[in-house]
Amino acid sequence: MIRTKGELAFDIFNVVLMFLIIIITLYPFWFTIVCSFSKVVAGNGITLWPKQFSTTAYSLLLDYDLIWITYRNTIVRCIVGTSLSVFFTAMTAYPLSKREMPFQGVLTNFILITMLFGGGLIPSYILVKDLHMLNTIWALVIPNMLGAYNIFIVRNFFRSIPSSLEESARIDGANWFYIWIRIVVPLAKPVIATIALWSLVGHWNAWFDALIYIRESTRTVVQVILRKITIENSSMDVNAIMAKMSNKDQSPGGETLEAAITVITIVPMLVIYPFLQKYFVKGIMVGSIKG
């Protein structure tokens, strides 16, 4: 097939455009990594390589006990929160996927209302306080356990599963829970992985609820420490880190610490995402369209 000059020019334009988009997308990440390994960060400048290569910022952060404690708290929150979110979302979505279920439409409307109206910050705080969940992991997990959008995505995916599979199991004497756990959930791996990824990223990035509900620094999450370093450079946490250096000349700047802790907090997501990506497109497409 002979390509015309117009087609060739169009292909070249697409390649150049995609290359520029890739650079624009990746450079902020690369710049953050470069800054984290730089002893001196160039002010208002663009750089591709570290200025005076140094790992001091990482040494300071990793020697700071509170970083490890809050990192552990964040991991525990992600594991507990994601597990509960996936389990209860799937359990809620399964009966809603049955059109013959009594009051299915009414329950769906109640769930839909939560997408349009929130309870408000102060009522939510009072509720968490009255339930004695302040300063505990449950204040970070339970309020975010169910989301209406996730329920509808999973419900629509469940509706796309052939009903003949469930009918065959019912004829063989299986109960509804057995059908759900042994037939429906394994077939719904794409959408389960999708909402698990959403929940995991949401819990990993969340800091505002921890700022409100958690009083002790040893029970908070690493994103709160990141916020203090990036927004409050004069905070006690930053001063505590900097004080660990007896030689003032070797102390990294605030920008270097910001970049280093940012890299530390994004690495887990960069490692996990490729393993769940293969399920993402299929899960979101089928869950959004069918039903």
C-alpha atoms as a PDB file:
ATOM      1  CA  MET A   1       0.000   0.000   0.000  1.00  0.00           C
ATOM      2  CA  ILE A   2       1.435   3.337  -1.096  1.00  0.00           C
ATOM      3  CA  ARG A   3       1.227   6.045   1.545  1.00  0.00           C
ATOM      4  CA  THR A   4       0.551   9.585   0.436  1.00  0.00           C
ATOM      5  CA  LYS A   5       2.565  12.548   1.659  1.00  0.00           C
ATOM      6  CA  GLY A   6      -0.425  13.714   3.661  1.00  0.00           C
ATOM      7  CA  GLU A   7      -0.712  10.377   5.498  1.00  0.00           C
ATOM      8  CA  LEU A   8       3.030  10.339   6.189  1.00  0.00           C
ATOM      9  CA  ALA A   9       2.925  13.902   7.515  1.00  0.00           C
ATOM     10  CA  PHE A  10      -0.068  13.026   9.691  1.00  0.00           C
ATOM     11  CA  ASP A  11       1.756  10.008  11.157  1.00  0.00           C
ATOM     12  CA  ILE A  12       4.838  12.096  11.892  1.00  0.00           C
ATOM     13  CA  PHE A  13       2.675  14.743  13.559  1.00  0.00           C
ATOM     14  CA  ASN A  14       1.011  12.077  15.734  1.00  0.00           C
ATOM     15  CA  VAL A  15       4.360  10.627  16.795  1.00  0.00           C
ATOM     16  CA  VAL A  16       5.754  14.051  17.693  1.00  0.00           C
ATOM     17  CA  LEU A  17       2.564  14.992  19.548  1.00  0.00           C
ATOM     18  CA  MET A  18       2.529  11.753  21.549  1.00  0.00           C
ATOM     19  CA  PHE A  19       6.220  12.197  22.360  1.00  0.00           C
ATOM     20  CA  LEU A  20       5.572  15.712  23.673  1.00  0.00           C
ATOM     21  CA  ILE A  21       2.613  14.506  25.748  1.00  0.00           C
ATOM     22  CA  ILE A  22       4.773  11.754  27.266  1.00  0.00           C
ATOM     23  CA  ILE A  23       7.476  14.281  28.164  1.00  0.00           C
ATOM     24  CA  ILE A  24       4.956  16.700  29.680  1.00  0.00           C
ATOM     25  CA  THR A  25       3.411  13.857  31.693  1.00  0.00           C
ATOM     26  CA  LEU A  26       6.619  12.253  32.959  1.00  0.00           C
ATOM     27  CA  TYR A  27       8.786  15.312  33.564  1.00  0.00           C
ATOM     28  CA  PRO A  28       7.088  16.381  36.839  1.00  0.00           C
ATOM     29  CA  PHE A  29       7.793  12.913  38.262  1.00  0.00           C
ATOM     30  CA  TRP A  30      11.368  12.995  37.004  1.00  0.00           C
ATOM     31  CA  PHE A  31      11.884  16.525  38.344  1.00  0.00           C
ATOM     32  CA  THR A  32      10.646  15.436  41.777  1.00  0.00           C
ATOM     33  CA  ILE A  33      13.079  12.505  41.792  1.00  0.00           C
ATOM     34  CA  VAL A  34      15.924  14.783  40.677  1.00  0.00           C
ATOM     35  CA  CYS A  35      15.136  17.297  43.425  1.00  0.00           C
ATOM     36  CA  SER A  36      15.042  14.560  46.052  1.00  0.00           C
ATOM     37  CA  PHE A  37      18.634  13.592  45.215  1.00  0.00           C
ATOM     38  CA  SER A  38      19.901  17.166  44.959  1.00  0.00           C
ATOM     39  CA  LYS A  39      21.716  18.869  47.801  1.00  0.00           C
ATOM     40  CA  VAL A  40      20.772  22.227  46.321  1.00  0.00           C
ATOM     41  CA  VAL A  41      17.566  22.766  44.354  1.00  0.00           C
ATOM     42  CA  ALA A  42      17.861  25.303  41.567  1.00  0.00           C
ATOM     43  CA  GLY A  43      15.314  28.046  42.121  1.00  0.00           C
ATOM     44  CA  ASN A  44      12.746  28.456  39.346  1.00  0.00           C
ATOM     45  CA  GLY A  45      14.872  26.437  36.959  1.00  0.00           C
ATOM     46  CA  ILE A  46      14.471  23.359  34.794  1.00  0.00           C
ATOM     47  CA  THR A  47      16.981  20.614  35.394  1.00  0.00           C
ATOM     48  CA  LEU A  48      17.364  17.043  34.204  1.00  0.00           C
ATOM     49  CA  TRP A  49      20.027  15.849  36.650  1.00  0.00           C
ATOM     50  CA  PRO A  50      20.607  16.295  40.396  1.00  0.00           C
ATOM     51  CA  LYS A  51      22.559  19.330  41.563  1.00  0.00           C
ATOM     52  CA  GLN A  52      25.297  18.080  43.913  1.00  0.00           C
ATOM     53  CA  PHE A  53      23.996  14.502  44.182  1.00  0.00           C
ATOM     54  CA  SER A  54      23.103  13.569  47.747  1.00  0.00           C
ATOM     55  CA  THR A  55      20.952  11.002  49.544  1.00  0.00           C
ATOM     56  CA  THR A  56      20.894  12.993  52.776  1.00  0.00           C
ATOM     57  CA  ALA A  57      17.179  13.746  52.534  1.00  0.00           C
ATOM     58  CA  TYR A  58      16.302  10.052  52.309  1.00  0.00           C
ATOM     59  CA  SER A  59      18.674   9.222  55.165  1.00  0.00           C
ATOM     60  CA  LEU A  60      17.053  11.836  57.371  1.00  0.00           C
ATOM     61  CA  LEU A  61      13.518  10.739  56.554  1.00  0.00           C
ATOM     62  CA  LEU A  62      14.212   7.031  56.961  1.00  0.00           C
ATOM     63  CA  ASP A  63      15.983   7.657  60.279  1.00  0.00           C
ATOM     64  CA  TYR A  64      12.957   9.577  61.547  1.00  0.00           C
ATOM     65  CA  ASP A  65      10.816   7.106  63.525  1.00  0.00           C
ATOM     66  CA  LEU A  66       7.557   8.956  62.892  1.00  0.00           C
ATOM     67  CA  ILE A  67       7.902   8.359  59.142  1.00  0.00           C
ATOM     68  CA  TRP A  68       8.000   4.582  59.665  1.00  0.00           C
ATOM     69  CA  ILE A  69       5.142   4.681  62.177  1.00  0.00           C
ATOM     70  CA  THR A  70       2.865   6.724  59.927  1.00  0.00           C
ATOM     71  CA  TYR A  71       3.892   4.629  56.917  1.00  0.00           C
ATOM     72  CA  ARG A  72       2.799   1.513  58.788  1.00  0.00           C
ATOM     73  CA  ASN A  73      -0.461   3.199  59.764  1.00  0.00           C
ATOM     74  CA  THR A  74      -1.109   4.073  56.124  1.00  0.00           C
ATOM     75  CA  ILE A  75      -0.468   0.507  54.968  1.00  0.00           C
ATOM     76  CA  VAL A  76      -2.781  -0.891  57.662  1.00  0.00           C
ATOM     77  CA  ARG A  77      -5.454   1.623  56.692  1.00  0.00           C
ATOM     78  CA  CYS A  78      -5.172   0.658  53.021  1.00  0.00           C
ATOM     79  CA  ILE A  79      -5.356  -3.079  53.705  1.00  0.00           C
ATOM     80  CA  VAL A  80      -8.272  -2.892  56.153  1.00  0.00           C
ATOM     81  CA  GLY A  81     -10.142  -0.168  54.275  1.00  0.00           C
ATOM     82  CA  THR A  82      -9.790  -1.746  50.845  1.00  0.00           C
ATOM     83  CA  SER A  83     -10.746  -5.222  52.081  1.00  0.00           C
ATOM     84  CA  LEU A  84     -13.879  -3.986  53.846  1.00  0.00           C
ATOM     85  CA  SER A  85     -14.833  -1.718  50.958  1.00  0.00           C
ATOM     86  CA  VAL A  86     -14.564  -4.481  48.357  1.00  0.00           C
ATOM     87  CA  PHE A  87     -16.388  -7.050  50.509  1.00  0.00           C
ATOM     88  CA  PHE A  88     -19.350  -4.883  51.499  1.00  0.00           C
ATOM     89  CA  THR A  89     -19.630  -3.205  48.096  1.00  0.00           C
ATOM     90  CA  ALA A  90     -19.910  -6.600  46.412  1.00  0.00           C
ATOM     91  CA  MET A  91     -22.379  -7.829  49.041  1.00  0.00           C
ATOM     92  CA  THR A  92     -24.557  -4.737  48.623  1.00  0.00           C
ATOM     93  CA  ALA A  93     -24.434  -4.783  44.831  1.00  0.00           C
ATOM     94  CA  TYR A  94     -25.406  -8.443  44.423  1.00  0.00           C
ATOM     95  CA  PRO A  95     -29.005  -8.272  45.751  1.00  0.00           C
ATOM     96  CA  LEU A  96     -29.481  -4.926  43.993  1.00  0.00           C
ATOM     97  CA  SER A  97     -28.585  -6.631  40.717  1.00  0.00           C
ATOM     98  CA  LYS A  98     -31.727  -8.792  41.033  1.00  0.00           C
ATOM     99  CA  ARG A  99     -34.662  -6.902  39.549  1.00  0.00           C
ATOM    100  CA  GLU A 100     -37.085  -9.289  41.230  1.00  0.00           C
ATOM    101  CA  MET A 101     -35.836  -8.320  44.711  1.00  0.00           C
ATOM    102  CA  PRO A 102     -38.561  -6.531  46.745  1.00  0.00           C
ATOM    103  CA  PHE A 103     -38.028  -2.767  47.103  1.00  0.00           C
ATOM    104  CA  GLN A 104     -34.999  -2.940  44.835  1.00  0.00           C
ATOM    105  CA  GLY A 105     -35.894   0.378  43.219  1.00  0.00           C
ATOM    106  CA  VAL A 106     -36.481   2.117  46.557  1.00  0.00           C
ATOM    107  CA  LEU A 107     -33.149   0.962  47.960  1.00  0.00           C
ATOM    108  CA  THR A 108     -31.392   2.038  44.769  1.00  0.00           C
ATOM    109  CA  ASN A 109     -32.890   5.515  45.093  1.00  0.00           C
ATOM    110  CA  PHE A 110     -31.765   5.772  48.709  1.00  0.00           C
ATOM    111  CA  ILE A 111     -28.217   4.920  47.649  1.00  0.00           C
ATOM    112  CA  LEU A 112     -28.445   7.383  44.764  1.00  0.00           C
ATOM    113  CA  ILE A 113     -29.351  10.198  47.168  1.00  0.00           C
ATOM    114  CA  THR A 114     -25.981   9.791  48.895  1.00  0.00           C
ATOM    115  CA  MET A 115     -24.290  10.710  45.612  1.00  0.00           C
ATOM    116  CA  LEU A 116     -26.174  14.010  45.494  1.00  0.00           C
ATOM    117  CA  PHE A 117     -26.192  15.079  49.148  1.00  0.00           C
ATOM    118  CA  GLY A 118     -23.581  14.686  51.862  1.00  0.00           C
ATOM    119  CA  GLY A 119     -23.995  14.737  55.607  1.00  0.00           C
ATOM    120  CA  GLY A 120     -21.668  17.688  56.116  1.00  0.00           C
ATOM    121  CA  LEU A 121     -18.368  17.976  57.940  1.00  0.00           C
ATOM    122  CA  ILE A 122     -19.636  18.911  61.405  1.00  0.00           C
ATOM    123  CA  PRO A 123     -22.441  16.272  61.558  1.00  0.00           C
ATOM    124  CA  SER A 124     -19.957  13.657  60.336  1.00  0.00           C
ATOM    125  CA  TYR A 125     -17.496  14.630  63.063  1.00  0.00           C
ATOM    126  CA  ILE A 126     -20.209  14.496  65.730  1.00  0.00           C
ATOM    127  CA  LEU A 127     -21.305  11.062  64.507  1.00  0.00           C
ATOM    128  CA  VAL A 128     -17.748   9.707  64.580  1.00  0.00           C
ATOM    129  CA  LYS A 129     -17.267  11.170  68.057  1.00  0.00           C
ATOM    130  CA  ASP A 130     -20.524   9.690  69.381  1.00  0.00           C
ATOM    131  CA  LEU A 131     -19.499   6.289  68.026  1.00  0.00           C
ATOM    132  CA  HIS A 132     -16.222   6.592  69.988  1.00  0.00           C
ATOM    133  CA  MET A 133     -14.128   6.189  66.855  1.00  0.00           C
ATOM    134  CA  LEU A 134     -12.005   9.329  67.252  1.00  0.00           C
ATOM    135  CA  ASN A 135      -8.271   8.657  67.214  1.00  0.00           C
ATOM    136  CA  THR A 136      -8.790   5.122  65.853  1.00  0.00           C
ATOM    137  CA  ILE A 137      -8.357   3.542  62.444  1.00  0.00           C
ATOM    138  CA  TRP A 138     -12.123   2.977  62.239  1.00  0.00           C
ATOM    139  CA  ALA A 139     -12.689   6.716  61.872  1.00  0.00           C
ATOM    140  CA  LEU A 140     -10.688   6.524  58.640  1.00  0.00           C
ATOM    141  CA  VAL A 141     -12.160   3.271  57.347  1.00  0.00           C
ATOM    142  CA  ILE A 142     -15.868   3.008  58.183  1.00  0.00           C
ATOM    143  CA  PRO A 143     -17.077   6.388  56.803  1.00  0.00           C
ATOM    144  CA  ASN A 144     -15.418   5.542  53.470  1.00  0.00           C
ATOM    145  CA  MET A 145     -16.412   1.883  53.365  1.00  0.00           C
ATOM    146  CA  LEU A 146     -19.251   2.164  50.833  1.00  0.00           C
ATOM    147  CA  GLY A 147     -19.590   4.425  47.823  1.00  0.00           C
ATOM    148  CA  ALA A 148     -22.720   4.713  45.694  1.00  0.00           C
ATOM    149  CA  TYR A 149     -20.775   4.916  42.444  1.00  0.00           C
ATOM    150  CA  ASN A 150     -18.836   1.742  43.229  1.00  0.00           C
ATOM    151  CA  ILE A 151     -22.048  -0.080  44.159  1.00  0.00           C
ATOM    152  CA  PHE A 152     -23.675   0.804  40.839  1.00  0.00           C
ATOM    153  CA  ILE A 153     -20.583  -0.205  38.855  1.00  0.00           C
ATOM    154  CA  VAL A 154     -20.456  -3.619  40.542  1.00  0.00           C
ATOM    155  CA  ARG A 155     -24.234  -4.058  40.315  1.00  0.00           C
ATOM    156  CA  ASN A 156     -24.188  -3.502  36.555  1.00  0.00           C
ATOM    157  CA  PHE A 157     -21.328  -5.956  36.168  1.00  0.00           C
ATOM    158  CA  PHE A 158     -23.238  -8.597  38.154  1.00  0.00           C
ATOM    159  CA  ARG A 159     -26.212  -8.104  35.834  1.00  0.00           C
ATOM    160  CA  SER A 160     -23.992  -8.921  32.858  1.00  0.00           C
ATOM    161  CA  ILE A 161     -23.300 -12.419  34.242  1.00  0.00           C
ATOM    162  CA  PRO A 162     -25.607 -15.008  32.595  1.00  0.00           C
ATOM    163  CA  SER A 163     -28.451 -15.928  34.938  1.00  0.00           C
ATOM    164  CA  SER A 164     -28.290 -19.526  33.684  1.00  0.00           C
ATOM    165  CA  LEU A 165     -25.162 -20.077  35.787  1.00  0.00           C
ATOM    166  CA  GLU A 166     -27.003 -19.141  38.958  1.00  0.00           C
ATOM    167  CA  GLU A 167     -30.090 -21.128  37.981  1.00  0.00           C
ATOM    168  CA  SER A 168     -27.983 -24.247  37.455  1.00  0.00           C
ATOM    169  CA  ALA A 169     -26.399 -23.823  40.875  1.00  0.00           C
ATOM    170  CA  ARG A 170     -29.817 -23.322  42.474  1.00  0.00           C
ATOM    171  CA  ILE A 171     -31.060 -26.551  40.886  1.00  0.00           C
ATOM    172  CA  ASP A 172     -28.052 -28.328  42.419  1.00  0.00           C
ATOM    173  CA  GLY A 173     -29.073 -27.058  45.851  1.00  0.00           C
ATOM    174  CA  ALA A 174     -26.676 -24.122  46.283  1.00  0.00           C
ATOM    175  CA  ASN A 175     -27.812 -21.217  48.443  1.00  0.00           C
ATOM    176  CA  TRP A 176     -27.466 -17.575  47.453  1.00  0.00           C
ATOM    177  CA  PHE A 177     -24.323 -16.935  49.514  1.00  0.00           C
ATOM    178  CA  TYR A 178     -22.595 -19.968  47.995  1.00  0.00           C
ATOM    179  CA  ILE A 179     -23.537 -18.773  44.503  1.00  0.00           C
ATOM    180  CA  TRP A 180     -22.232 -15.303  45.276  1.00  0.00           C
ATOM    181  CA  ILE A 181     -18.915 -16.347  46.782  1.00  0.00           C
ATOM    182  CA  ARG A 182     -18.124 -19.296  44.476  1.00  0.00           C
ATOM    183  CA  ILE A 183     -19.621 -18.265  41.123  1.00  0.00           C
ATOM    184  CA  VAL A 184     -20.420 -14.562  40.908  1.00  0.00           C
ATOM    185  CA  VAL A 185     -17.382 -13.056  42.645  1.00  0.00           C
ATOM    186  CA  PRO A 186     -14.786 -15.116  40.711  1.00  0.00           C
ATOM    187  CA  LEU A 187     -16.431 -14.057  37.434  1.00  0.00           C
ATOM    188  CA  ALA A 188     -16.367 -10.430  38.586  1.00  0.00           C
ATOM    189  CA  LYS A 189     -12.594 -10.216  39.062  1.00  0.00           C
ATOM    190  CA  PRO A 190     -12.204  -7.275  36.632  1.00  0.00           C
ATOM    191  CA  VAL A 191     -14.686  -5.032  38.419  1.00  0.00           C
ATOM    192  CA  ILE A 192     -13.562  -6.217  41.864  1.00  0.00           C
ATOM    193  CA  ALA A 193      -9.971  -5.316  40.973  1.00  0.00           C
ATOM    194  CA  THR A 194     -11.156  -1.964  39.635  1.00  0.00           C
ATOM    195  CA  ILE A 195     -12.955  -0.877  42.797  1.00  0.00           C
ATOM    196  CA  ALA A 196     -10.114  -2.314  44.884  1.00  0.00           C
ATOM    197  CA  LEU A 197      -7.705  -0.067  42.999  1.00  0.00           C
ATOM    198  CA  TRP A 198      -9.961   2.956  43.456  1.00  0.00           C
ATOM    199  CA  SER A 199     -10.353   2.260  47.158  1.00  0.00           C
ATOM    200  CA  LEU A 200      -6.644   1.598  47.630  1.00  0.00           C
ATOM    201  CA  VAL A 201      -5.612   4.827  45.927  1.00  0.00           C
ATOM    202  CA  GLY A 202      -8.281   6.753  47.809  1.00  0.00           C
ATOM    203  CA  HIS A 203      -7.109   5.481  51.196  1.00  0.00           C
ATOM    204  CA  TRP A 204      -3.447   5.977  50.302  1.00  0.00           C
ATOM    205  CA  ASN A 205      -3.925   9.596  49.234  1.00  0.00           C
ATOM    206  CA  ALA A 206      -6.385  10.587  51.975  1.00  0.00           C
ATOM    207  CA  TRP A 207      -5.156  13.002  54.619  1.00  0.00           C
ATOM    208  CA  PHE A 208      -8.044  15.332  55.477  1.00  0.00           C
ATOM    209  CA  ASP A 209     -10.004  12.793  57.516  1.00  0.00           C
ATOM    210  CA  ALA A 210      -6.860  11.840  59.440  1.00  0.00           C
ATOM    211  CA  LEU A 211      -6.213  15.523  60.107  1.00  0.00           C
ATOM    212  CA  ILE A 212      -9.699  15.854  61.617  1.00  0.00           C
ATOM    213  CA  TYR A 213     -10.249  12.559  63.415  1.00  0.00           C
ATOM    214  CA  ILE A 214      -6.734  11.588  64.574  1.00  0.00           C
ATOM    215  CA  ARG A 215      -5.204  13.552  67.443  1.00  0.00           C
ATOM    216  CA  GLU A 216      -1.986  11.653  68.153  1.00  0.00           C
ATOM    217  CA  SER A 217       0.869  11.933  65.658  1.00  0.00           C
ATOM    218  CA  THR A 218       1.756   8.260  66.190  1.00  0.00           C
ATOM    219  CA  ARG A 219      -1.686   7.230  64.903  1.00  0.00           C
ATOM    220  CA  THR A 220      -1.894   9.466  61.876  1.00  0.00           C
ATOM    221  CA  VAL A 221      -0.927   8.611  58.286  1.00  0.00           C
ATOM    222  CA  VAL A 222       2.148   9.515  56.282  1.00  0.00           C
ATOM    223  CA  GLN A 223       0.204  11.905  54.040  1.00  0.00           C
ATOM    224  CA  VAL A 224      -0.354  14.192  57.029  1.00  0.00           C
ATOM    225  CA  ILE A 225       3.413  14.339  57.547  1.00  0.00           C
ATOM    226  CA  LEU A 226       3.838  15.042  53.834  1.00  0.00           C
ATOM    227  CA  ARG A 227       1.360  17.897  54.120  1.00  0.00           C
ATOM    228  CA  LYS A 228       3.195  19.387  57.079  1.00  0.00           C
ATOM    229  CA  ILE A 229       6.504  19.281  55.240  1.00  0.00           C
ATOM    230  CA  THR A 230       5.154  20.679  51.978  1.00  0.00           C
ATOM    231  CA  ILE A 231       2.852  23.346  53.417  1.00  0.00           C
ATOM    232  CA  GLU A 232       4.310  24.091  56.836  1.00  0.00           C
ATOM    233  CA  ASN A 233       8.071  24.104  56.336  1.00  0.00           C
ATOM    234  CA  SER A 234       8.497  25.587  59.799  1.00  0.00           C
ATOM    235  CA  SER A 235       6.517  22.849  61.524  1.00  0.00           C
ATOM    236  CA  MET A 236       7.914  20.834  64.419  1.00  0.00           C
ATOM    237  CA  ASP A 237       8.094  17.708  62.256  1.00  0.00           C
ATOM    238  CA  VAL A 238      10.449  19.376  59.797  1.00  0.00           C
ATOM    239  CA  ASN A 239      12.512  20.881  62.598  1.00  0.00           C
ATOM    240  CA  ALA A 240      12.787  17.479  64.260  1.00  0.00           C
ATOM    241  CA  ILE A 241      14.115  15.981  61.055  1.00  0.00           C
ATOM    242  CA  MET A 242      16.540  18.817  60.440  1.00  0.00           C
ATOM    243  CA  ALA A 243      17.768  18.705  64.041  1.00  0.00           C
ATOM    244  CA  LYS A 244      19.104  15.196  63.472  1.00  0.00           C
ATOM    245  CA  MET A 245      21.899  16.749  61.400  1.00  0.00           C
ATOM    246  CA  SER A 246      24.667  18.107  63.593  1.00  0.00           C
ATOM    247  CA  ASN A 247      26.448  19.639  60.607  1.00  0.00           C
ATOM    248  CA  LYS A 248      24.375  22.510  59.259  1.00  0.00           C
ATOM    249  CA  ASP A 249      26.224  22.449  55.947  1.00  0.00           C
ATOM    250  CA  GLN A 250      24.988  18.937  55.267  1.00  0.00           C
ATOM    251  CA  SER A 251      21.337  19.677  55.957  1.00  0.00           C
ATOM    252  CA  PRO A 252      19.120  19.456  52.865  1.00  0.00           C
ATOM    253  CA  GLY A 253      16.777  22.271  52.001  1.00  0.00           C
ATOM    254  CA  GLY A 254      13.052  22.190  52.561  1.00  0.00           C
ATOM    255  CA  GLU A 255      12.406  21.604  48.845  1.00  0.00           C
ATOM    256  CA  THR A 256      14.669  18.542  48.897  1.00  0.00           C
ATOM    257  CA  LEU A 257      12.803  17.078  51.880  1.00  0.00           C
ATOM    258  CA  GLU A 258       9.484  17.758  50.160  1.00  0.00           C
ATOM    259  CA  ALA A 259      10.629  15.948  47.031  1.00  0.00           C
ATOM    260  CA  ALA A 260      12.084  13.008  48.967  1.00  0.00           C
ATOM    261  CA  ILE A 261       8.977  12.308  51.042  1.00  0.00           C
ATOM    262  CA  THR A 262       6.819  12.745  47.930  1.00  0.00           C
ATOM    263  CA  VAL A 263       8.833  10.033  46.178  1.00  0.00           C
ATOM    264  CA  ILE A 264       8.571   7.789  49.241  1.00  0.00           C
ATOM    265  CA  THR A 265       4.780   8.125  49.287  1.00  0.00           C
ATOM    266  CA  ILE A 266       4.154   7.514  45.571  1.00  0.00           C
ATOM    267  CA  VAL A 267       6.412   4.477  45.100  1.00  0.00           C
ATOM    268  CA  PRO A 268       3.900   1.893  46.461  1.00  0.00           C
ATOM    269  CA  MET A 269       1.190   3.029  44.043  1.00  0.00           C
ATOM    270  CA  LEU A 270       3.626   2.898  41.123  1.00  0.00           C
ATOM    271  CA  VAL A 271       4.498  -0.684  42.082  1.00  0.00           C
ATOM    272  CA  ILE A 272       0.928  -1.927  42.600  1.00  0.00           C
ATOM    273  CA  TYR A 273      -0.831  -0.240  39.682  1.00  0.00           C
ATOM    274  CA  PRO A 274       0.685  -2.349  36.839  1.00  0.00           C
ATOM    275  CA  PHE A 275      -0.636  -5.562  38.423  1.00  0.00           C
ATOM    276  CA  LEU A 276      -4.227  -4.261  38.484  1.00  0.00           C
ATOM    277  CA  GLN A 277      -4.184  -2.307  35.230  1.00  0.00           C
ATOM    278  CA  LYS A 278      -5.170  -5.307  33.089  1.00  0.00           C
ATOM    279  CA  TYR A 279      -8.494  -5.520  34.930  1.00  0.00           C
ATOM    280  CA  PHE A 280      -9.165  -1.788  34.987  1.00  0.00           C
ATOM    281  CA  VAL A 281     -10.483  -1.108  31.468  1.00  0.00           C
ATOM    282  CA  LYS A 282     -12.645  -4.241  31.279  1.00  0.00           C
ATOM    283  CA  GLY A 283     -14.095  -3.713  34.735  1.00  0.00           C
ATOM    284  CA  ILE A 284     -15.033  -0.078  34.254  1.00  0.00           C
ATOM    285  CA  MET A 285     -16.389  -0.545  30.725  1.00  0.00           C
ATOM    286  CA  VAL A 286     -18.615  -3.533  31.463  1.00  0.00           C
ATOM    287  CA  GLY A 287     -19.723  -2.122  34.808  1.00  0.00           C
ATOM    288  CA  SER A 288     -20.652   1.234  33.284  1.00  0.00           C
ATOM    289  CA  ILE A 289     -22.462   0.074  30.147  1.00  0.00           C
ATOM    290  CA  LYS A 290     -24.325  -3.116  30.941  1.00  0.00           C
ATOM    291  CA  GLY A 291     -27.311  -3.470  33.232  1.00  0.00           C
END
